[in-house]
Amino acid sequence: MPYEKLEIQTPSPVLSWANHELGHEETKMAKNVASLPFVFKHVALMPDVHLGKGALVGSVIATKEAIIPAAVGVDVGCGMSAIKTPFTGEQLEGKLKKIRLDIEAAIPTGFNENKEVEKSVSNWQRWSDFKNLHSGVQDLQTKAMRQMGSLGGGERLPLTVVIQ
């Protein structure tokens, strides 16, 4: 599939595989991201790219010496965690698949949820605020309580490994 190099002035180029013409706000967001000092090589825009918060959903931003969990347009950034470990690439050789499977087994993903509500979740004092939310979600408090500590509906566990 061919790509186009966007004609915008940025320190790093923006390569687009978008299947639509970018709007003004999308172009502005791509320009902002491509101007970050830690972008590695270029920013890539996938076919279904669209506005997010801070970054475009459907953008790929390789970085050097930086991790940006929310750089997926805050679409799945809430399910990401950056954890520095003492391991080297050699120590992890051949073990990443098992590590990922172990993490996925411990954290409910997709449309799964916790089977029981965690005690710390049920003790949260702000659940009463549900009555002030939009009427379409007021009856979802129990579901929200079971999803706390999971990735909720539709998401998969993103796993980023940084090797020293």
N, C-alpha and C. Protein backbone atom coordinates (compact mmCIF):
# COMPACT_ATOMS: atom_id res chain seq x y z
N MET A 1 0.85 -1.18 0.00
CA MET A 1 0.00 0.00 0.00
C MET A 1 0.89 1.23 0.00
N PRO A 2 0.70 2.13 -0.92
CA PRO A 2 1.57 3.32 -0.99
C PRO A 2 1.26 4.31 0.13
N TYR A 3 2.25 5.09 0.48
CA TYR A 3 2.06 6.13 1.48
C TYR A 3 2.41 7.47 0.87
N GLU A 4 2.02 8.50 1.60
CA GLU A 4 2.30 9.86 1.17
C GLU A 4 3.06 10.56 2.29
N LYS A 5 4.07 11.32 1.95
CA LYS A 5 4.77 12.15 2.93
C LYS A 5 4.02 13.47 3.00
N LEU A 6 3.50 13.78 4.20
CA LEU A 6 2.74 15.02 4.34
C LEU A 6 3.66 16.22 4.15
N GLU A 7 3.17 17.20 3.47
CA GLU A 7 3.95 18.41 3.19
C GLU A 7 3.75 19.41 4.33
N ILE A 8 4.30 19.09 5.49
CA ILE A 8 4.26 19.99 6.64
C ILE A 8 5.67 20.14 7.17
N GLN A 9 5.97 21.29 7.73
CA GLN A 9 7.31 21.57 8.25
C GLN A 9 7.43 21.04 9.68
N THR A 10 8.12 19.92 9.83
CA THR A 10 8.34 19.32 11.14
C THR A 10 9.74 18.73 11.18
N PRO A 11 10.32 18.60 12.38
CA PRO A 11 11.65 17.99 12.49
C PRO A 11 11.67 16.54 12.01
N SER A 12 10.58 15.80 12.24
CA SER A 12 10.45 14.43 11.78
C SER A 12 9.35 14.37 10.73
N PRO A 13 9.55 13.62 9.65
CA PRO A 13 8.50 13.54 8.63
C PRO A 13 7.27 12.77 9.11
N VAL A 14 6.13 13.04 8.49
CA VAL A 14 4.89 12.32 8.76
C VAL A 14 4.54 11.55 7.49
N LEU A 15 4.52 10.22 7.60
CA LEU A 15 4.17 9.35 6.48
C LEU A 15 2.74 8.88 6.69
N SER A 16 1.90 9.02 5.68
CA SER A 16 0.49 8.72 5.85
C SER A 16 0.01 7.63 4.90
N TRP A 17 -0.64 6.63 5.49
CA TRP A 17 -1.34 5.58 4.75
C TRP A 17 -2.85 5.81 4.89
N ALA A 18 -3.25 7.00 5.35
CA ALA A 18 -4.66 7.30 5.62
C ALA A 18 -5.50 7.09 4.37
N ASN A 19 -6.69 6.53 4.57
CA ASN A 19 -7.59 6.30 3.45
C ASN A 19 -8.57 7.45 3.26
N HIS A 20 -8.25 8.60 3.86
CA HIS A 20 -9.08 9.79 3.73
C HIS A 20 -8.19 11.03 3.80
N GLU A 21 -8.71 12.12 3.32
CA GLU A 21 -7.99 13.41 3.41
C GLU A 21 -7.99 13.85 4.87
N LEU A 22 -6.84 14.24 5.38
CA LEU A 22 -6.78 14.69 6.77
C LEU A 22 -7.41 16.07 6.90
N GLY A 23 -8.19 16.24 7.96
CA GLY A 23 -8.77 17.54 8.25
C GLY A 23 -7.74 18.46 8.91
N HIS A 24 -8.12 19.71 9.11
CA HIS A 24 -7.22 20.70 9.70
C HIS A 24 -6.73 20.25 11.08
N GLU A 25 -7.65 19.80 11.94
CA GLU A 25 -7.27 19.41 13.30
C GLU A 25 -6.37 18.17 13.30
N GLU A 26 -6.64 17.23 12.41
CA GLU A 26 -5.80 16.03 12.31
C GLU A 26 -4.40 16.42 11.86
N THR A 27 -4.30 17.29 10.87
CA THR A 27 -2.99 17.74 10.38
C THR A 27 -2.23 18.48 11.48
N LYS A 28 -2.93 19.33 12.21
CA LYS A 28 -2.32 20.08 13.31
C LYS A 28 -1.77 19.12 14.37
N MET A 29 -2.55 18.09 14.71
CA MET A 29 -2.12 17.13 15.72
C MET A 29 -0.91 16.33 15.22
N ALA A 30 -0.92 15.93 13.96
CA ALA A 30 0.23 15.20 13.39
C ALA A 30 1.47 16.07 13.44
N LYS A 31 1.32 17.35 13.13
CA LYS A 31 2.44 18.29 13.16
C LYS A 31 2.99 18.43 14.58
N ASN A 32 2.10 18.55 15.56
CA ASN A 32 2.54 18.68 16.96
C ASN A 32 3.34 17.45 17.39
N VAL A 33 2.83 16.27 17.08
CA VAL A 33 3.51 15.04 17.49
C VAL A 33 4.85 14.90 16.78
N ALA A 34 4.90 15.20 15.48
CA ALA A 34 6.14 15.07 14.72
C ALA A 34 7.19 16.10 15.14
N SER A 35 6.78 17.07 15.96
CA SER A 35 7.72 18.09 16.45
C SER A 35 8.31 17.73 17.81
N LEU A 36 7.85 16.62 18.40
CA LEU A 36 8.41 16.21 19.69
C LEU A 36 9.88 15.83 19.52
N PRO A 37 10.74 16.19 20.47
CA PRO A 37 12.18 15.99 20.29
C PRO A 37 12.64 14.54 20.33
N PHE A 38 11.80 13.61 20.77
CA PHE A 38 12.23 12.22 20.92
C PHE A 38 11.61 11.29 19.87
N VAL A 39 10.96 11.85 18.84
CA VAL A 39 10.42 11.02 17.77
C VAL A 39 11.59 10.38 17.02
N PHE A 40 11.48 9.09 16.78
CA PHE A 40 12.53 8.34 16.09
C PHE A 40 12.13 8.14 14.63
N LYS A 41 12.87 8.68 13.74
CA LYS A 41 12.73 8.58 12.29
C LYS A 41 11.51 9.30 11.73
N HIS A 42 10.29 8.84 12.02
CA HIS A 42 9.09 9.47 11.45
C HIS A 42 7.86 9.07 12.25
N VAL A 43 6.76 9.75 11.97
CA VAL A 43 5.45 9.40 12.51
C VAL A 43 4.68 8.75 11.37
N ALA A 44 4.00 7.65 11.65
CA ALA A 44 3.23 6.94 10.62
C ALA A 44 1.74 7.04 10.95
N LEU A 45 0.94 7.35 9.95
CA LEU A 45 -0.50 7.43 10.11
C LEU A 45 -1.14 6.26 9.37
N MET A 46 -1.90 5.44 10.09
CA MET A 46 -2.53 4.25 9.54
C MET A 46 -3.80 4.62 8.77
N PRO A 47 -4.35 3.70 7.98
CA PRO A 47 -5.51 4.02 7.13
C PRO A 47 -6.70 4.62 7.87
N ASP A 48 -7.00 4.14 9.09
CA ASP A 48 -8.19 4.62 9.80
C ASP A 48 -7.88 5.73 10.81
N VAL A 49 -6.78 6.44 10.63
CA VAL A 49 -6.36 7.48 11.57
C VAL A 49 -7.48 8.50 11.79
N HIS A 50 -7.63 8.93 13.04
CA HIS A 50 -8.63 9.94 13.37
C HIS A 50 -8.24 10.66 14.65
N LEU A 51 -8.93 11.76 14.94
CA LEU A 51 -8.59 12.58 16.10
C LEU A 51 -8.63 11.79 17.40
N GLY A 52 -7.69 12.10 18.25
CA GLY A 52 -7.64 11.58 19.60
C GLY A 52 -7.43 12.76 20.53
N LYS A 53 -6.83 12.52 21.66
CA LYS A 53 -6.51 13.61 22.58
C LYS A 53 -5.00 13.63 22.75
N GLY A 54 -4.35 14.60 22.16
CA GLY A 54 -2.91 14.72 22.25
C GLY A 54 -2.17 14.01 21.14
N ALA A 55 -2.74 12.95 20.63
CA ALA A 55 -2.15 12.21 19.50
C ALA A 55 -3.30 11.62 18.69
N LEU A 56 -3.01 11.32 17.45
CA LEU A 56 -4.04 10.74 16.59
C LEU A 56 -4.21 9.26 16.89
N VAL A 57 -5.45 8.81 17.02
CA VAL A 57 -5.73 7.39 17.13
C VAL A 57 -5.41 6.81 15.76
N GLY A 58 -4.61 5.75 15.75
CA GLY A 58 -4.19 5.18 14.48
C GLY A 58 -2.88 5.76 14.00
N SER A 59 -2.11 6.36 14.92
CA SER A 59 -0.78 6.83 14.56
C SER A 59 0.24 5.93 15.24
N VAL A 60 1.39 5.81 14.61
CA VAL A 60 2.48 5.02 15.19
C VAL A 60 3.63 5.99 15.41
N ILE A 61 4.05 6.09 16.66
CA ILE A 61 5.08 7.06 17.01
C ILE A 61 6.22 6.30 17.68
N ALA A 62 7.23 6.00 16.90
CA ALA A 62 8.42 5.37 17.48
C ALA A 62 9.21 6.46 18.19
N THR A 63 9.72 6.14 19.37
CA THR A 63 10.46 7.14 20.14
C THR A 63 11.84 6.62 20.52
N LYS A 64 12.71 7.55 20.80
CA LYS A 64 14.05 7.20 21.27
C LYS A 64 14.22 7.80 22.66
N GLU A 65 14.51 6.94 23.63
CA GLU A 65 14.71 7.34 25.02
C GLU A 65 13.48 8.00 25.63
N ALA A 66 12.30 7.56 25.21
CA ALA A 66 11.05 8.07 25.77
C ALA A 66 9.94 7.05 25.54
N ILE A 67 9.00 7.01 26.47
CA ILE A 67 7.81 6.17 26.34
C ILE A 67 6.62 7.08 26.58
N ILE A 68 5.63 7.03 25.70
CA ILE A 68 4.44 7.87 25.84
C ILE A 68 3.22 6.96 25.85
N PRO A 69 2.78 6.49 27.03
CA PRO A 69 1.64 5.58 27.07
C PRO A 69 0.38 6.13 26.42
N ALA A 70 0.14 7.42 26.49
CA ALA A 70 -1.08 7.98 25.92
C ALA A 70 -0.92 8.37 24.45
N ALA A 71 0.18 8.01 23.83
CA ALA A 71 0.42 8.43 22.44
C ALA A 71 -0.34 7.56 21.45
N VAL A 72 -1.41 6.99 21.86
CA VAL A 72 -2.31 6.30 20.95
C VAL A 72 -3.65 7.03 20.98
N GLY A 73 -3.55 8.33 21.18
CA GLY A 73 -4.75 9.16 21.15
C GLY A 73 -5.64 8.97 22.35
N VAL A 74 -5.09 8.49 23.44
CA VAL A 74 -5.82 8.20 24.66
C VAL A 74 -6.88 7.14 24.41
N ASP A 75 -6.75 6.41 23.31
CA ASP A 75 -7.69 5.35 22.97
C ASP A 75 -7.48 4.15 23.88
N VAL A 76 -6.25 3.71 24.02
CA VAL A 76 -5.95 2.60 24.92
C VAL A 76 -4.86 2.96 25.91
N GLY A 77 -4.46 4.23 25.93
CA GLY A 77 -3.41 4.65 26.85
C GLY A 77 -3.76 4.36 28.31
N CYS A 78 -5.06 4.30 28.63
CA CYS A 78 -5.47 4.03 30.00
C CYS A 78 -5.09 2.62 30.42
N GLY A 79 -4.87 1.74 29.47
CA GLY A 79 -4.53 0.36 29.81
C GLY A 79 -3.04 0.08 29.73
N MET A 80 -2.24 1.13 29.63
CA MET A 80 -0.82 0.92 29.47
C MET A 80 -0.07 1.27 30.75
N SER A 81 1.01 0.61 30.91
CA SER A 81 1.87 0.88 32.06
C SER A 81 3.31 0.72 31.61
N ALA A 82 4.13 1.65 31.99
CA ALA A 82 5.56 1.57 31.69
C ALA A 82 6.28 1.19 32.97
N ILE A 83 6.97 0.09 32.95
CA ILE A 83 7.66 -0.40 34.14
C ILE A 83 9.11 -0.70 33.76
N LYS A 84 10.02 -0.03 34.43
CA LYS A 84 11.44 -0.28 34.17
C LYS A 84 11.85 -1.51 34.97
N THR A 85 12.47 -2.43 34.30
CA THR A 85 12.95 -3.65 34.97
C THR A 85 14.46 -3.70 34.89
N PRO A 86 15.09 -4.52 35.71
CA PRO A 86 16.54 -4.63 35.66
C PRO A 86 17.04 -5.60 34.59
N PHE A 87 16.13 -6.16 33.79
CA PHE A 87 16.52 -7.19 32.84
C PHE A 87 17.12 -6.63 31.57
N THR A 88 18.02 -7.39 30.99
CA THR A 88 18.61 -7.03 29.70
C THR A 88 17.92 -7.84 28.62
N GLY A 89 18.17 -7.49 27.38
CA GLY A 89 17.60 -8.22 26.26
C GLY A 89 18.01 -9.68 26.28
N GLU A 90 19.25 -9.95 26.64
CA GLU A 90 19.73 -11.34 26.70
C GLU A 90 18.98 -12.16 27.75
N GLN A 91 18.67 -11.55 28.88
CA GLN A 91 17.96 -12.26 29.94
C GLN A 91 16.52 -12.58 29.53
N LEU A 92 15.93 -11.77 28.66
CA LEU A 92 14.54 -11.97 28.25
C LEU A 92 14.40 -12.79 26.98
N GLU A 93 15.50 -13.09 26.35
CA GLU A 93 15.49 -13.84 25.08
C GLU A 93 14.65 -15.11 25.22
N GLY A 94 13.64 -15.25 24.36
CA GLY A 94 12.80 -16.43 24.35
C GLY A 94 11.74 -16.48 25.44
N LYS A 95 11.64 -15.45 26.28
CA LYS A 95 10.71 -15.47 27.42
C LYS A 95 9.56 -14.48 27.28
N LEU A 96 9.60 -13.59 26.27
CA LEU A 96 8.59 -12.53 26.17
C LEU A 96 7.18 -13.07 25.97
N LYS A 97 7.03 -14.13 25.20
CA LYS A 97 5.69 -14.68 24.96
C LYS A 97 5.08 -15.17 26.27
N LYS A 98 5.85 -15.88 27.07
CA LYS A 98 5.33 -16.38 28.36
C LYS A 98 5.01 -15.22 29.30
N ILE A 99 5.87 -14.21 29.33
CA ILE A 99 5.61 -13.04 30.18
C ILE A 99 4.29 -12.39 29.77
N ARG A 100 4.10 -12.19 28.46
CA ARG A 100 2.87 -11.58 27.98
C ARG A 100 1.65 -12.43 28.35
N LEU A 101 1.73 -13.74 28.13
CA LEU A 101 0.60 -14.62 28.46
C LEU A 101 0.28 -14.59 29.95
N ASP A 102 1.32 -14.52 30.79
CA ASP A 102 1.10 -14.43 32.24
C ASP A 102 0.40 -13.13 32.62
N ILE A 103 0.81 -12.03 32.00
CA ILE A 103 0.17 -10.73 32.27
C ILE A 103 -1.28 -10.77 31.81
N GLU A 104 -1.52 -11.28 30.60
CA GLU A 104 -2.88 -11.35 30.09
C GLU A 104 -3.78 -12.24 30.94
N ALA A 105 -3.21 -13.29 31.53
CA ALA A 105 -3.99 -14.18 32.39
C ALA A 105 -4.37 -13.48 33.70
N ALA A 106 -3.55 -12.53 34.14
CA ALA A 106 -3.78 -11.86 35.42
C ALA A 106 -4.69 -10.63 35.30
N ILE A 107 -4.80 -10.05 34.09
CA ILE A 107 -5.57 -8.82 33.91
C ILE A 107 -6.70 -9.09 32.93
N PRO A 108 -7.97 -8.99 33.37
CA PRO A 108 -9.08 -9.20 32.44
C PRO A 108 -9.03 -8.20 31.29
N THR A 109 -9.21 -8.71 30.06
CA THR A 109 -9.18 -7.85 28.88
C THR A 109 -10.40 -8.12 28.01
N GLY A 110 -10.56 -7.32 26.98
CA GLY A 110 -11.70 -7.49 26.09
C GLY A 110 -12.99 -7.20 26.83
N PHE A 111 -13.99 -8.03 26.64
CA PHE A 111 -15.26 -7.80 27.31
C PHE A 111 -15.35 -8.55 28.64
N ASN A 112 -14.21 -9.05 29.11
CA ASN A 112 -14.18 -9.71 30.41
C ASN A 112 -14.15 -8.67 31.52
N GLU A 113 -14.44 -9.11 32.70
CA GLU A 113 -14.38 -8.24 33.87
C GLU A 113 -14.01 -9.10 35.07
N ASN A 114 -13.68 -8.46 36.17
CA ASN A 114 -13.36 -9.21 37.37
C ASN A 114 -14.61 -9.97 37.82
N LYS A 115 -14.41 -11.19 38.31
CA LYS A 115 -15.55 -12.00 38.75
C LYS A 115 -16.17 -11.44 40.02
N GLU A 116 -15.34 -10.84 40.86
CA GLU A 116 -15.81 -10.22 42.09
C GLU A 116 -15.28 -8.80 42.15
N VAL A 117 -16.00 -7.95 42.85
CA VAL A 117 -15.56 -6.57 43.04
C VAL A 117 -14.50 -6.55 44.13
N GLU A 118 -13.37 -5.93 43.81
CA GLU A 118 -12.29 -5.81 44.79
C GLU A 118 -12.77 -4.95 45.97
N LYS A 119 -12.33 -5.28 47.18
CA LYS A 119 -12.76 -4.55 48.36
C LYS A 119 -12.37 -3.07 48.27
N SER A 120 -11.16 -2.79 47.77
CA SER A 120 -10.73 -1.39 47.67
C SER A 120 -11.60 -0.62 46.68
N VAL A 121 -12.14 -1.31 45.67
CA VAL A 121 -13.02 -0.66 44.70
C VAL A 121 -14.35 -0.33 45.34
N SER A 122 -14.94 -1.26 46.05
CA SER A 122 -16.25 -1.02 46.66
C SER A 122 -16.18 0.02 47.78
N ASN A 123 -15.00 0.22 48.34
CA ASN A 123 -14.85 1.21 49.41
C ASN A 123 -14.66 2.64 48.88
N TRP A 124 -14.53 2.80 47.57
CA TRP A 124 -14.32 4.14 47.00
C TRP A 124 -15.53 5.01 47.31
N GLN A 125 -15.30 6.19 47.81
CA GLN A 125 -16.37 7.07 48.27
C GLN A 125 -17.14 7.77 47.15
N ARG A 126 -16.66 7.74 45.92
CA ARG A 126 -17.28 8.52 44.85
C ARG A 126 -18.32 7.73 44.04
N TRP A 127 -18.60 6.47 44.40
CA TRP A 127 -19.61 5.73 43.64
C TRP A 127 -20.97 6.41 43.69
N SER A 128 -21.23 7.15 44.74
CA SER A 128 -22.53 7.85 44.84
C SER A 128 -22.69 8.90 43.75
N ASP A 129 -21.58 9.32 43.15
CA ASP A 129 -21.65 10.31 42.06
C ASP A 129 -22.32 9.74 40.80
N PHE A 130 -22.48 8.41 40.72
CA PHE A 130 -23.12 7.81 39.56
C PHE A 130 -24.51 8.40 39.33
N LYS A 131 -25.20 8.76 40.39
CA LYS A 131 -26.55 9.29 40.23
C LYS A 131 -26.55 10.64 39.51
N ASN A 132 -25.39 11.30 39.42
CA ASN A 132 -25.28 12.59 38.74
C ASN A 132 -24.81 12.46 37.30
N LEU A 133 -24.51 11.25 36.86
CA LEU A 133 -24.05 11.03 35.49
C LEU A 133 -25.20 11.00 34.51
N HIS A 134 -24.89 10.97 33.25
CA HIS A 134 -25.89 10.87 32.19
C HIS A 134 -26.79 9.67 32.47
N SER A 135 -28.08 9.81 32.23
CA SER A 135 -29.04 8.75 32.56
C SER A 135 -28.72 7.43 31.85
N GLY A 136 -28.03 7.49 30.71
CA GLY A 136 -27.70 6.28 29.97
C GLY A 136 -26.66 5.40 30.65
N VAL A 137 -25.95 5.93 31.63
CA VAL A 137 -24.93 5.13 32.31
C VAL A 137 -25.18 4.97 33.81
N GLN A 138 -26.20 5.59 34.32
CA GLN A 138 -26.45 5.51 35.76
C GLN A 138 -26.64 4.09 36.27
N ASP A 139 -27.20 3.21 35.43
CA ASP A 139 -27.44 1.84 35.87
C ASP A 139 -26.24 0.91 35.62
N LEU A 140 -25.09 1.47 35.25
CA LEU A 140 -23.91 0.66 34.95
C LEU A 140 -22.88 0.65 36.09
N GLN A 141 -23.27 1.09 37.26
CA GLN A 141 -22.33 1.14 38.37
C GLN A 141 -21.76 -0.23 38.71
N THR A 142 -22.57 -1.26 38.77
CA THR A 142 -22.08 -2.60 39.10
C THR A 142 -21.08 -3.08 38.06
N LYS A 143 -21.39 -2.85 36.79
CA LYS A 143 -20.48 -3.24 35.71
C LYS A 143 -19.16 -2.47 35.84
N ALA A 144 -19.26 -1.18 36.11
CA ALA A 144 -18.05 -0.35 36.27
C ALA A 144 -17.21 -0.85 37.44
N MET A 145 -17.86 -1.24 38.52
CA MET A 145 -17.13 -1.74 39.69
C MET A 145 -16.37 -3.03 39.35
N ARG A 146 -16.99 -3.91 38.55
CA ARG A 146 -16.33 -5.17 38.18
C ARG A 146 -15.21 -4.94 37.16
N GLN A 147 -15.32 -3.87 36.37
CA GLN A 147 -14.30 -3.60 35.36
C GLN A 147 -13.10 -2.84 35.92
N MET A 148 -13.24 -2.27 37.10
CA MET A 148 -12.12 -1.55 37.70
C MET A 148 -10.96 -2.53 37.89
N GLY A 149 -9.80 -2.17 37.37
CA GLY A 149 -8.65 -3.06 37.44
C GLY A 149 -8.55 -4.00 36.25
N SER A 150 -9.47 -3.83 35.29
CA SER A 150 -9.42 -4.59 34.05
C SER A 150 -9.19 -3.59 32.93
N LEU A 151 -9.15 -4.08 31.69
CA LEU A 151 -9.06 -3.15 30.56
C LEU A 151 -10.41 -2.91 29.94
N GLY A 152 -11.48 -3.42 30.55
CA GLY A 152 -12.82 -3.13 30.07
C GLY A 152 -13.11 -3.71 28.70
N GLY A 153 -14.16 -3.22 28.08
CA GLY A 153 -14.62 -3.76 26.82
C GLY A 153 -13.81 -3.31 25.62
N GLY A 154 -13.51 -4.26 24.77
CA GLY A 154 -12.92 -3.94 23.48
C GLY A 154 -11.42 -3.82 23.44
N GLU A 155 -10.76 -3.67 24.54
CA GLU A 155 -9.31 -3.44 24.51
C GLU A 155 -8.55 -4.75 24.67
N ARG A 156 -7.36 -4.76 24.14
CA ARG A 156 -6.41 -5.85 24.35
C ARG A 156 -5.26 -5.27 25.12
N LEU A 157 -4.52 -6.11 25.78
CA LEU A 157 -3.42 -5.64 26.59
C LEU A 157 -2.26 -5.21 25.72
N PRO A 158 -1.94 -3.91 25.71
CA PRO A 158 -0.76 -3.49 24.95
C PRO A 158 0.48 -3.74 25.80
N LEU A 159 1.45 -4.38 25.23
CA LEU A 159 2.67 -4.68 25.97
C LEU A 159 3.85 -4.05 25.25
N THR A 160 4.48 -3.13 25.92
CA THR A 160 5.67 -2.48 25.37
C THR A 160 6.85 -2.93 26.21
N VAL A 161 7.85 -3.44 25.59
CA VAL A 161 9.04 -3.88 26.31
C VAL A 161 10.19 -2.98 25.90
N VAL A 162 10.83 -2.38 26.87
CA VAL A 162 11.99 -1.54 26.61
C VAL A 162 13.20 -2.32 27.10
N ILE A 163 14.09 -2.60 26.20
CA ILE A 163 15.28 -3.37 26.53
C ILE A 163 16.49 -2.45 26.56
N GLN A 164 17.23 -2.56 27.65
CA GLN A 164 18.41 -1.70 27.81
C GLN A 164 19.52 -2.12 26.90
